Amino acid sequence: MEIIANYGSTLLIIACCVGFFMAWGIGANDVANAMGTSVGSRALTITQAIFVAMIFEFLGAYLAGGEVTATIRKGIIDPESMADQPELMVFGMLSALLAAGTWLLIASIKGWPVSTTHSIVGAIVGFASVGISVDAIHWDKVGTIAASWVVSPVLAGTISFGLFMSVKALILDTDDPFHRAKRYIPMYMWMVGFMISMVTLLKGLKHIGIEIDLGLGSKFANAVPVSAAVGLVVAGLGALLLRRVKELPNQQHRFANVERVFAILMVFTACSMAFAHGSNDVANAVGPLAAIAATIESGGQVAAKAALPWWILLVGAFGIVVGLATYGWKVIATIGRKITELTPSRGFAAELGAASTVVVASATGLPISTTHTLVGAVLGVGFARGIAALNLRTIGQIFMSWIITLPAGAGLAIMFFFMFRGMFI
């Protein structure tokens, strides 16, 4: 308690700095994964992708970033185990943020697409094992998170595979793919608008004090008609844009005109993926930061639940944007160009499938890895064309980087934990 009382302000400043550093790492590494399909399919340039992601990552993190944070913060460690020594919680979460941020920095420099969720969960388990007790860790929660890392790429791959097959059936494998694309693509745009609106209404707007009540009973029932209307607005806007796309003669590529139409659609799916990613992965930075702030502000009481102040979400959202703008270009190429050849139609299916998976996970509080989700989605699109369309060497390298991430995060967290404890005790 004395350490919290004497050094509370200093520890909170350090926590904000390392939380921002962790959020920077998310922006530099994970957001690049989210936007890689748009750049790889040449629907967006790198500059355009970074601009789109900066806006929608910030909105997703700030408006809809609260639900997953609770799982990261209170689901892995038993708060009762630190009730008598609250400084252990503070030092541990500081070390976890610094460890995960350091690993993301290393991975980004190398161009490795790694999981930020792996990084922070591994770091929290690492410091808790040596700093508190192995018994303080809720291993069943860790097991659930580990299972979600398998479920998320499978789910995203399945959704993306189904979406791309529907595109083939409705548009590509027809006699007049261009005009069929202009007819059916607004339907996909409606799905994008509906999905973003649902997650925002169900769990986001509470951070800025807005509550929609149509008198229909549950929050879900109120959100559905509003989201359906938002989807119609998005579809209508898309339909107006599509009218301006003219069919041009192209003897070399039968689907060139169709891909131009899908490039417009990918602007919408890129926005949805950035929003969904921001809502889900900001938790990796603000979860430990919220735990530190709550412990310090309460004078040393380690609680299982704590309010999530708006300024903490702001630190996370701003850090993600800065990381993307300053270093996000490095990892984009791995996802966008080295797993399988992407066109706008394939990239659309991958992005919408991944975004749908992330939104479902964010709404249910399950901390999935967006890296796993997006790679699974790209693999799903690749499988639709046969295994020969996949670069198995790149996939193997990505899987290896995932395996290394957990022990790297744990090892760095243990080192930083003893460093912080030595500084203040």
Protein backbone atom coordinates (compact mmCIF):
# COMPACT_ATOMS: atom_id res chain seq x y z
CA MET A 1 0.00 0.00 0.00
CA GLU A 2 2.85 2.41 0.84
CA ILE A 3 4.35 2.04 -2.63
CA ILE A 4 1.01 2.90 -4.25
CA ALA A 5 0.61 5.91 -1.95
CA ASN A 6 4.17 7.20 -2.46
CA TYR A 7 4.65 6.52 -6.16
CA GLY A 8 1.06 6.44 -7.47
CA SER A 9 1.38 9.44 -9.79
CA THR A 10 4.73 8.28 -11.13
CA LEU A 11 3.44 4.76 -11.77
CA LEU A 12 0.34 6.13 -13.54
CA ILE A 13 2.48 8.27 -15.86
CA ILE A 14 4.70 5.28 -16.63
CA ALA A 15 1.55 3.18 -17.24
CA CYS A 16 0.22 5.71 -19.76
CA CYS A 17 3.56 5.71 -21.58
CA VAL A 18 3.88 1.92 -21.81
CA GLY A 19 0.16 1.62 -22.66
CA PHE A 20 0.68 4.05 -25.52
CA PHE A 21 3.78 2.06 -26.58
CA MET A 22 1.75 -1.15 -26.63
CA ALA A 23 -1.00 0.56 -28.65
CA TRP A 24 1.69 1.84 -31.06
CA GLY A 25 2.81 -1.77 -31.55
CA ILE A 26 -0.76 -2.83 -32.31
CA GLY A 27 -0.98 -0.10 -34.94
CA ALA A 28 2.40 -0.94 -36.45
CA ASN A 29 1.85 -4.71 -36.64
CA ASP A 30 -1.76 -5.77 -36.32
CA VAL A 31 -3.47 -2.96 -38.19
CA ALA A 32 -1.12 -3.64 -41.09
CA ASN A 33 -2.55 -7.15 -41.16
CA ALA A 34 -6.08 -5.77 -41.23
CA MET A 35 -5.37 -3.49 -44.19
CA GLY A 36 -3.07 -5.88 -46.07
CA THR A 37 -5.84 -7.37 -48.22
CA SER A 38 -6.89 -3.94 -49.49
CA VAL A 39 -3.35 -3.07 -50.51
CA GLY A 40 -2.53 -6.56 -51.81
CA SER A 41 -5.55 -6.55 -54.12
CA ARG A 42 -4.63 -3.01 -55.25
CA ALA A 43 -8.08 -1.73 -54.29
CA LEU A 44 -6.33 0.89 -52.16
CA THR A 45 -2.84 2.33 -52.20
CA ILE A 46 -0.80 2.14 -49.00
CA THR A 47 -1.42 5.85 -48.37
CA GLN A 48 -5.18 5.47 -48.86
CA ALA A 49 -5.29 2.36 -46.65
CA ILE A 50 -3.43 4.11 -43.83
CA PHE A 51 -5.77 7.12 -44.07
CA VAL A 52 -8.91 4.92 -43.96
CA ALA A 53 -7.54 2.81 -41.12
CA MET A 54 -6.57 5.84 -39.03
CA ILE A 55 -10.15 7.11 -39.04
CA PHE A 56 -12.00 3.84 -38.51
CA GLU A 57 -9.47 2.25 -36.12
CA PHE A 58 -9.87 5.29 -33.89
CA LEU A 59 -13.68 5.17 -34.07
CA GLY A 60 -13.76 1.42 -33.37
CA ALA A 61 -11.34 1.67 -30.46
CA TYR A 62 -13.08 4.66 -28.87
CA LEU A 63 -16.75 3.88 -29.54
CA ALA A 64 -16.77 0.08 -29.28
CA GLY A 65 -13.63 -0.92 -27.43
CA GLY A 66 -14.95 -1.64 -23.94
CA GLU A 67 -16.34 -5.17 -23.99
CA VAL A 68 -13.18 -7.21 -24.63
CA THR A 69 -11.19 -5.11 -22.18
CA ALA A 70 -12.97 -6.69 -19.24
CA THR A 71 -11.93 -10.20 -20.32
CA ILE A 72 -8.27 -9.31 -20.67
CA ARG A 73 -8.22 -7.40 -17.40
CA LYS A 74 -10.04 -9.62 -14.96
CA GLY A 75 -10.33 -12.99 -16.63
CA ILE A 76 -6.77 -14.31 -16.47
CA ILE A 77 -5.53 -13.49 -12.95
CA ASP A 78 -7.35 -13.97 -9.63
CA PRO A 79 -7.51 -10.47 -8.02
CA GLU A 80 -7.74 -11.99 -4.53
CA SER A 81 -4.18 -13.30 -4.87
CA MET A 82 -2.88 -9.70 -4.94
CA ALA A 83 -5.20 -8.12 -2.36
CA ASP A 84 -2.39 -7.78 0.23
CA GLN A 85 0.23 -6.65 -2.31
CA PRO A 86 -1.47 -4.38 -4.87
CA GLU A 87 1.91 -3.21 -6.12
CA LEU A 88 2.32 -6.66 -7.70
CA MET A 89 -0.69 -5.95 -9.93
CA VAL A 90 0.77 -2.60 -10.96
CA PHE A 91 4.30 -3.90 -11.62
CA GLY A 92 2.93 -6.95 -13.38
CA MET A 93 0.65 -5.06 -15.75
CA LEU A 94 3.40 -2.52 -16.47
CA SER A 95 5.77 -5.36 -17.33
CA ALA A 96 3.11 -7.06 -19.49
CA LEU A 97 2.48 -3.89 -21.50
CA LEU A 98 6.18 -3.17 -21.93
CA ALA A 99 6.97 -6.79 -22.86
CA ALA A 100 4.18 -7.07 -25.42
CA GLY A 101 5.05 -3.67 -26.91
CA THR A 102 8.73 -4.60 -27.16
CA TRP A 103 7.95 -7.87 -28.92
CA LEU A 104 5.61 -6.11 -31.36
CA LEU A 105 8.37 -3.59 -32.10
CA ILE A 106 10.84 -6.40 -32.85
CA ALA A 107 8.30 -8.26 -34.99
CA SER A 108 7.37 -5.12 -36.92
CA ILE A 109 11.01 -4.35 -37.68
CA LYS A 110 11.40 -7.91 -39.01
CA GLY A 111 8.11 -7.69 -40.94
CA TRP A 112 6.54 -10.62 -39.01
CA PRO A 113 2.74 -10.55 -38.61
CA VAL A 114 2.26 -11.66 -35.00
CA SER A 115 -0.72 -11.70 -32.65
CA THR A 116 -1.05 -8.85 -30.18
CA THR A 117 -3.47 -10.97 -28.14
CA HIS A 118 -0.89 -13.75 -27.95
CA SER A 119 1.67 -11.18 -26.87
CA ILE A 120 -0.30 -9.63 -24.00
CA VAL A 121 -1.82 -12.87 -22.71
CA GLY A 122 1.60 -14.58 -22.76
CA ALA A 123 3.10 -11.60 -20.94
CA ILE A 124 0.40 -11.59 -18.23
CA VAL A 125 0.76 -15.34 -17.68
CA GLY A 126 4.56 -14.91 -17.56
CA PHE A 127 4.67 -12.25 -14.84
CA ALA A 128 1.90 -13.91 -12.81
CA SER A 129 3.70 -17.26 -12.79
CA VAL A 130 6.87 -15.87 -11.20
CA GLY A 131 5.63 -12.71 -9.49
CA ILE A 132 2.50 -14.01 -7.78
CA SER A 133 1.77 -17.71 -8.05
CA VAL A 134 0.93 -20.28 -10.68
CA ASP A 135 -2.31 -20.86 -8.76
CA ALA A 136 -3.30 -17.20 -9.25
CA ILE A 137 -3.78 -17.79 -12.97
CA HIS A 138 -7.21 -18.88 -14.18
CA TRP A 139 -5.94 -21.59 -16.48
CA ASP A 140 -9.47 -22.40 -17.65
CA LYS A 141 -9.74 -18.82 -18.97
CA VAL A 142 -6.35 -19.16 -20.65
CA GLY A 143 -7.54 -22.43 -22.18
CA THR A 144 -10.66 -20.71 -23.52
CA ILE A 145 -8.52 -17.98 -25.06
CA ALA A 146 -6.20 -20.59 -26.56
CA ALA A 147 -9.18 -22.44 -28.02
CA SER A 148 -10.42 -19.21 -29.59
CA TRP A 149 -7.11 -18.90 -31.43
CA VAL A 150 -8.01 -22.11 -33.23
CA VAL A 151 -11.69 -21.28 -33.65
CA SER A 152 -11.17 -17.77 -35.04
CA PRO A 153 -9.18 -18.67 -38.20
CA VAL A 154 -11.48 -21.63 -38.89
CA LEU A 155 -14.59 -19.47 -38.47
CA ALA A 156 -13.17 -16.61 -40.52
CA GLY A 157 -11.96 -19.01 -43.21
CA THR A 158 -15.38 -20.65 -43.42
CA ILE A 159 -17.22 -17.33 -43.67
CA SER A 160 -14.78 -16.00 -46.28
CA PHE A 161 -14.97 -19.21 -48.28
CA GLY A 162 -18.78 -18.99 -48.28
CA LEU A 163 -18.76 -15.32 -49.26
CA PHE A 164 -16.36 -15.88 -52.16
CA MET A 165 -18.37 -18.88 -53.38
CA SER A 166 -21.53 -16.73 -53.31
CA VAL A 167 -19.68 -14.10 -55.36
CA LYS A 168 -18.70 -16.77 -57.87
CA ALA A 169 -22.25 -18.14 -58.09
CA LEU A 170 -24.04 -14.78 -58.28
CA ILE A 171 -21.52 -12.77 -60.32
CA LEU A 172 -18.32 -14.32 -61.65
CA ASP A 173 -19.68 -17.57 -63.12
CA THR A 174 -22.43 -15.88 -65.15
CA ASP A 175 -22.82 -14.66 -68.72
CA ASP A 176 -22.84 -10.97 -67.78
CA PRO A 177 -20.68 -10.60 -64.65
CA PHE A 178 -20.34 -6.80 -64.87
CA HIS A 179 -24.05 -5.99 -64.73
CA ARG A 180 -24.67 -8.79 -62.20
CA ALA A 181 -21.98 -7.19 -60.01
CA LYS A 182 -23.70 -3.80 -60.15
CA ARG A 183 -26.97 -5.52 -59.18
CA TYR A 184 -25.73 -7.63 -56.25
CA ILE A 185 -22.87 -5.64 -54.72
CA PRO A 186 -25.24 -3.21 -52.90
CA MET A 187 -26.49 -6.30 -51.01
CA TYR A 188 -22.97 -6.93 -49.73
CA MET A 189 -22.65 -3.24 -48.88
CA TRP A 190 -25.80 -3.53 -46.78
CA MET A 191 -24.16 -6.37 -44.83
CA VAL A 192 -21.13 -4.17 -44.10
CA GLY A 193 -23.24 -1.23 -42.90
CA PHE A 194 -25.49 -3.46 -40.78
CA MET A 195 -22.53 -5.15 -39.08
CA ILE A 196 -20.69 -1.94 -38.15
CA SER A 197 -23.90 -0.34 -36.86
CA MET A 198 -24.82 -3.37 -34.73
CA VAL A 199 -21.54 -3.51 -32.84
CA THR A 200 -21.54 0.26 -32.35
CA LEU A 201 -25.09 0.37 -30.97
CA LEU A 202 -24.83 -2.76 -28.83
CA LYS A 203 -21.65 -1.95 -27.01
CA GLY A 204 -20.04 1.22 -28.17
CA LEU A 205 -22.03 4.37 -27.60
CA LYS A 206 -22.20 3.91 -23.83
CA HIS A 207 -18.71 5.45 -23.69
CA ILE A 208 -20.10 8.80 -24.87
CA GLY A 209 -23.42 8.55 -23.03
CA ILE A 210 -25.74 7.79 -25.97
CA GLU A 211 -28.45 5.17 -25.55
CA ILE A 212 -31.01 4.33 -28.25
CA ASP A 213 -34.41 3.19 -26.97
CA LEU A 214 -37.18 2.53 -29.50
CA GLY A 215 -39.42 0.97 -26.87
CA LEU A 216 -38.87 -2.55 -28.24
CA GLY A 217 -37.59 -4.06 -25.01
CA SER A 218 -34.03 -5.37 -25.24
CA LYS A 219 -31.03 -3.42 -26.48
CA PHE A 220 -30.59 -5.96 -29.29
CA ALA A 221 -34.19 -5.48 -30.48
CA ASN A 222 -33.66 -1.71 -30.57
CA ALA A 223 -30.40 -2.02 -32.49
CA VAL A 224 -31.66 -4.29 -35.30
CA PRO A 225 -34.05 -1.87 -37.09
CA VAL A 226 -31.64 1.05 -36.70
CA SER A 227 -28.75 -1.03 -38.08
CA ALA A 228 -30.93 -2.24 -40.96
CA ALA A 229 -31.63 1.39 -41.84
CA VAL A 230 -27.93 2.27 -41.63
CA GLY A 231 -27.20 -0.67 -43.94
CA LEU A 232 -29.72 0.70 -46.44
CA VAL A 233 -28.01 4.10 -46.38
CA VAL A 234 -24.61 2.47 -47.02
CA ALA A 235 -26.09 0.32 -49.81
CA GLY A 236 -27.74 3.37 -51.37
CA LEU A 237 -24.49 5.32 -51.29
CA GLY A 238 -22.69 2.35 -52.84
CA ALA A 239 -25.31 2.03 -55.56
CA LEU A 240 -24.80 5.70 -56.49
CA LEU A 241 -21.04 5.16 -56.72
CA LEU A 242 -21.52 2.05 -58.83
CA ARG A 243 -23.57 3.97 -61.41
CA ARG A 244 -20.44 5.96 -62.25
CA VAL A 245 -18.49 2.79 -63.11
CA LYS A 246 -18.66 2.23 -66.88
CA GLU A 247 -17.88 -1.04 -68.62
CA LEU A 248 -14.62 -0.78 -70.56
CA PRO A 249 -13.44 -3.24 -73.21
CA ASN A 250 -10.71 -5.55 -71.92
CA GLN A 251 -9.86 -8.56 -74.04
CA GLN A 252 -7.10 -9.86 -71.76
CA HIS A 253 -9.07 -10.14 -68.52
CA ARG A 254 -12.78 -11.04 -68.68
CA PHE A 255 -13.37 -9.96 -65.09
CA ALA A 256 -11.44 -6.67 -65.22
CA ASN A 257 -14.62 -4.58 -65.12
CA VAL A 258 -16.07 -6.69 -62.30
CA GLU A 259 -12.91 -6.27 -60.25
CA ARG A 260 -13.19 -2.50 -60.70
CA VAL A 261 -16.63 -2.70 -59.13
CA PHE A 262 -15.33 -4.84 -56.28
CA ALA A 263 -12.57 -2.31 -55.69
CA ILE A 264 -15.30 0.17 -54.73
CA LEU A 265 -16.83 -2.43 -52.39
CA MET A 266 -13.44 -2.99 -50.76
CA VAL A 267 -13.40 0.61 -49.58
CA PHE A 268 -16.45 -0.27 -47.47
CA THR A 269 -15.02 -3.58 -46.24
CA ALA A 270 -11.70 -1.90 -45.42
CA CYS A 271 -13.61 0.57 -43.24
CA SER A 272 -15.48 -2.26 -41.52
CA MET A 273 -12.30 -4.26 -40.90
CA ALA A 274 -10.52 -1.26 -39.42
CA PHE A 275 -13.51 -0.47 -37.19
CA ALA A 276 -13.86 -4.09 -36.06
CA HIS A 277 -10.12 -4.39 -35.41
CA GLY A 278 -10.06 -1.20 -33.36
CA SER A 279 -13.01 -2.34 -31.24
CA ASN A 280 -11.40 -5.71 -30.50
CA ASP A 281 -7.66 -5.11 -30.19
CA VAL A 282 -7.61 -1.85 -28.26
CA ALA A 283 -8.30 -4.10 -25.24
CA ASN A 284 -4.78 -5.47 -25.45
CA ALA A 285 -3.42 -2.03 -24.59
CA VAL A 286 -6.13 -0.47 -22.41
CA GLY A 287 -7.01 -3.59 -20.38
CA PRO A 288 -3.80 -3.68 -18.32
CA LEU A 289 -3.75 0.14 -18.25
CA ALA A 290 -7.28 0.19 -16.80
CA ALA A 291 -6.25 -2.33 -14.13
CA ILE A 292 -3.27 -0.16 -13.15
CA ALA A 293 -5.32 3.06 -13.05
CA ALA A 294 -8.11 1.46 -10.97
CA THR A 295 -5.63 0.05 -8.45
CA ILE A 296 -3.75 3.35 -8.05
CA GLU A 297 -6.86 5.56 -7.89
CA SER A 298 -8.47 3.34 -5.24
CA GLY A 299 -5.41 3.61 -3.04
CA GLY A 300 -4.31 0.04 -3.58
CA GLN A 301 -7.52 -1.97 -3.79
CA VAL A 302 -7.32 -4.68 -6.45
CA ALA A 303 -10.85 -5.12 -7.79
CA ALA A 304 -12.23 -7.65 -10.22
CA LYS A 305 -14.23 -4.90 -11.90
CA ALA A 306 -13.28 -1.32 -12.65
CA ALA A 307 -14.80 1.48 -14.67
CA LEU A 308 -13.10 2.19 -17.98
CA PRO A 309 -12.46 5.96 -18.15
CA TRP A 310 -12.80 7.61 -21.53
CA TRP A 311 -9.21 8.89 -21.40
CA ILE A 312 -7.83 5.34 -21.27
CA LEU A 313 -9.65 4.41 -24.48
CA LEU A 314 -8.33 7.65 -25.96
CA VAL A 315 -4.72 6.70 -25.14
CA GLY A 316 -5.23 3.31 -26.80
CA ALA A 317 -7.01 4.67 -29.85
CA PHE A 318 -4.43 7.42 -30.41
CA GLY A 319 -1.53 5.00 -29.97
CA ILE A 320 -2.96 2.62 -32.58
CA VAL A 321 -3.32 5.45 -35.09
CA VAL A 322 0.25 6.71 -34.53
CA GLY A 323 1.69 3.20 -34.85
CA LEU A 324 -0.11 2.63 -38.12
CA ALA A 325 0.91 5.99 -39.57
CA THR A 326 4.59 5.72 -38.61
CA TYR A 327 5.43 2.05 -39.20
CA GLY A 328 2.38 0.16 -40.46
CA TRP A 329 3.62 -0.14 -44.05
CA LYS A 330 6.22 -2.77 -43.20
CA VAL A 331 3.93 -5.72 -42.38
CA ILE A 332 1.21 -4.98 -44.95
CA ALA A 333 3.04 -6.79 -47.76
CA THR A 334 3.22 -10.12 -45.91
CA ILE A 335 -0.54 -10.55 -45.58
CA GLY A 336 -1.53 -8.72 -48.76
CA ARG A 337 0.87 -10.25 -51.28
CA LYS A 338 2.68 -13.32 -49.94
CA ILE A 339 -0.04 -15.80 -48.86
CA THR A 340 -2.09 -15.96 -52.06
CA GLU A 341 -2.74 -13.72 -55.05
CA LEU A 342 -5.55 -11.35 -54.15
CA THR A 343 -7.95 -9.53 -56.43
CA PRO A 344 -10.59 -7.06 -55.18
CA SER A 345 -13.29 -9.79 -55.23
CA ARG A 346 -11.12 -12.18 -53.20
CA GLY A 347 -9.94 -9.41 -50.88
CA PHE A 348 -13.54 -8.37 -50.26
CA ALA A 349 -14.52 -11.88 -49.19
CA ALA A 350 -11.49 -12.14 -46.90
CA GLU A 351 -12.01 -8.72 -45.30
CA LEU A 352 -15.75 -9.07 -44.73
CA GLY A 353 -15.32 -12.60 -43.37
CA ALA A 354 -12.58 -11.48 -40.99
CA ALA A 355 -14.48 -8.37 -39.90
CA SER A 356 -17.61 -10.42 -39.19
CA THR A 357 -15.60 -12.80 -37.01
CA VAL A 358 -13.94 -9.95 -35.11
CA VAL A 359 -17.26 -8.19 -34.53
CA VAL A 360 -18.86 -11.38 -33.16
CA ALA A 361 -15.89 -11.91 -30.86
CA SER A 362 -15.90 -8.30 -29.72
CA ALA A 363 -19.64 -8.41 -28.95
CA THR A 364 -19.25 -11.60 -26.87
CA GLY A 365 -16.08 -10.53 -25.06
CA LEU A 366 -13.91 -13.30 -26.50
CA PRO A 367 -10.35 -12.03 -27.07
CA ILE A 368 -9.48 -13.51 -30.44
CA SER A 369 -6.41 -12.74 -32.49
CA THR A 370 -7.17 -10.59 -35.51
CA THR A 371 -3.95 -11.87 -37.07
CA HIS A 372 -5.26 -15.44 -36.90
CA THR A 373 -8.65 -14.30 -38.11
CA LEU A 374 -7.38 -12.46 -41.15
CA VAL A 375 -4.88 -15.15 -42.11
CA GLY A 376 -7.71 -17.70 -41.78
CA ALA A 377 -9.91 -15.54 -44.00
CA VAL A 378 -7.21 -15.19 -46.67
CA LEU A 379 -6.59 -18.95 -46.51
CA GLY A 380 -10.34 -19.55 -46.95
CA VAL A 381 -10.35 -17.47 -50.13
CA GLY A 382 -7.22 -19.25 -51.34
CA PHE A 383 -8.76 -22.69 -50.70
CA ALA A 384 -11.68 -21.70 -52.90
CA ARG A 385 -9.19 -21.72 -55.79
CA GLY A 386 -7.31 -24.87 -54.73
CA ILE A 387 -4.29 -25.47 -52.49
CA ALA A 388 -1.90 -24.66 -55.34
CA ALA A 389 -3.00 -21.02 -55.03
CA LEU A 390 -1.44 -20.82 -51.54
CA ASN A 391 2.18 -19.97 -50.74
CA LEU A 392 2.84 -22.72 -48.20
CA ARG A 393 6.33 -21.43 -47.34
CA THR A 394 4.98 -18.05 -46.25
CA ILE A 395 2.17 -19.74 -44.31
CA GLY A 396 4.75 -21.88 -42.50
CA GLN A 397 6.77 -18.79 -41.56
CA ILE A 398 3.65 -17.08 -40.22
CA PHE A 399 2.76 -20.12 -38.11
CA MET A 400 6.31 -20.18 -36.68
CA SER A 401 6.08 -16.51 -35.70
CA TRP A 402 2.83 -17.30 -33.85
CA ILE A 403 4.50 -20.11 -31.89
CA ILE A 404 7.43 -17.88 -30.88
CA THR A 405 5.19 -15.04 -29.69
CA LEU A 406 3.84 -16.66 -26.51
CA PRO A 407 7.19 -17.58 -24.93
CA ALA A 408 8.74 -14.31 -26.11
CA GLY A 409 6.02 -12.28 -24.40
CA ALA A 410 6.28 -14.35 -21.22
CA GLY A 411 10.08 -14.15 -21.06
CA LEU A 412 10.22 -10.39 -21.61
CA ALA A 413 7.46 -9.83 -19.02
CA ILE A 414 9.38 -11.80 -16.37
CA MET A 415 12.49 -9.70 -17.02
CA PHE A 416 10.61 -6.38 -16.89
CA PHE A 417 8.68 -7.46 -13.77
CA PHE A 418 11.88 -7.91 -11.77
CA MET A 419 13.16 -4.61 -13.21
CA PHE A 420 10.13 -2.64 -12.01
CA ARG A 421 10.12 -4.37 -8.64
CA GLY A 422 13.80 -3.55 -8.20
CA MET A 423 13.18 0.12 -9.08
CA PHE A 424 10.41 0.74 -6.53
CA ILE A 425 10.93 -1.80 -3.73
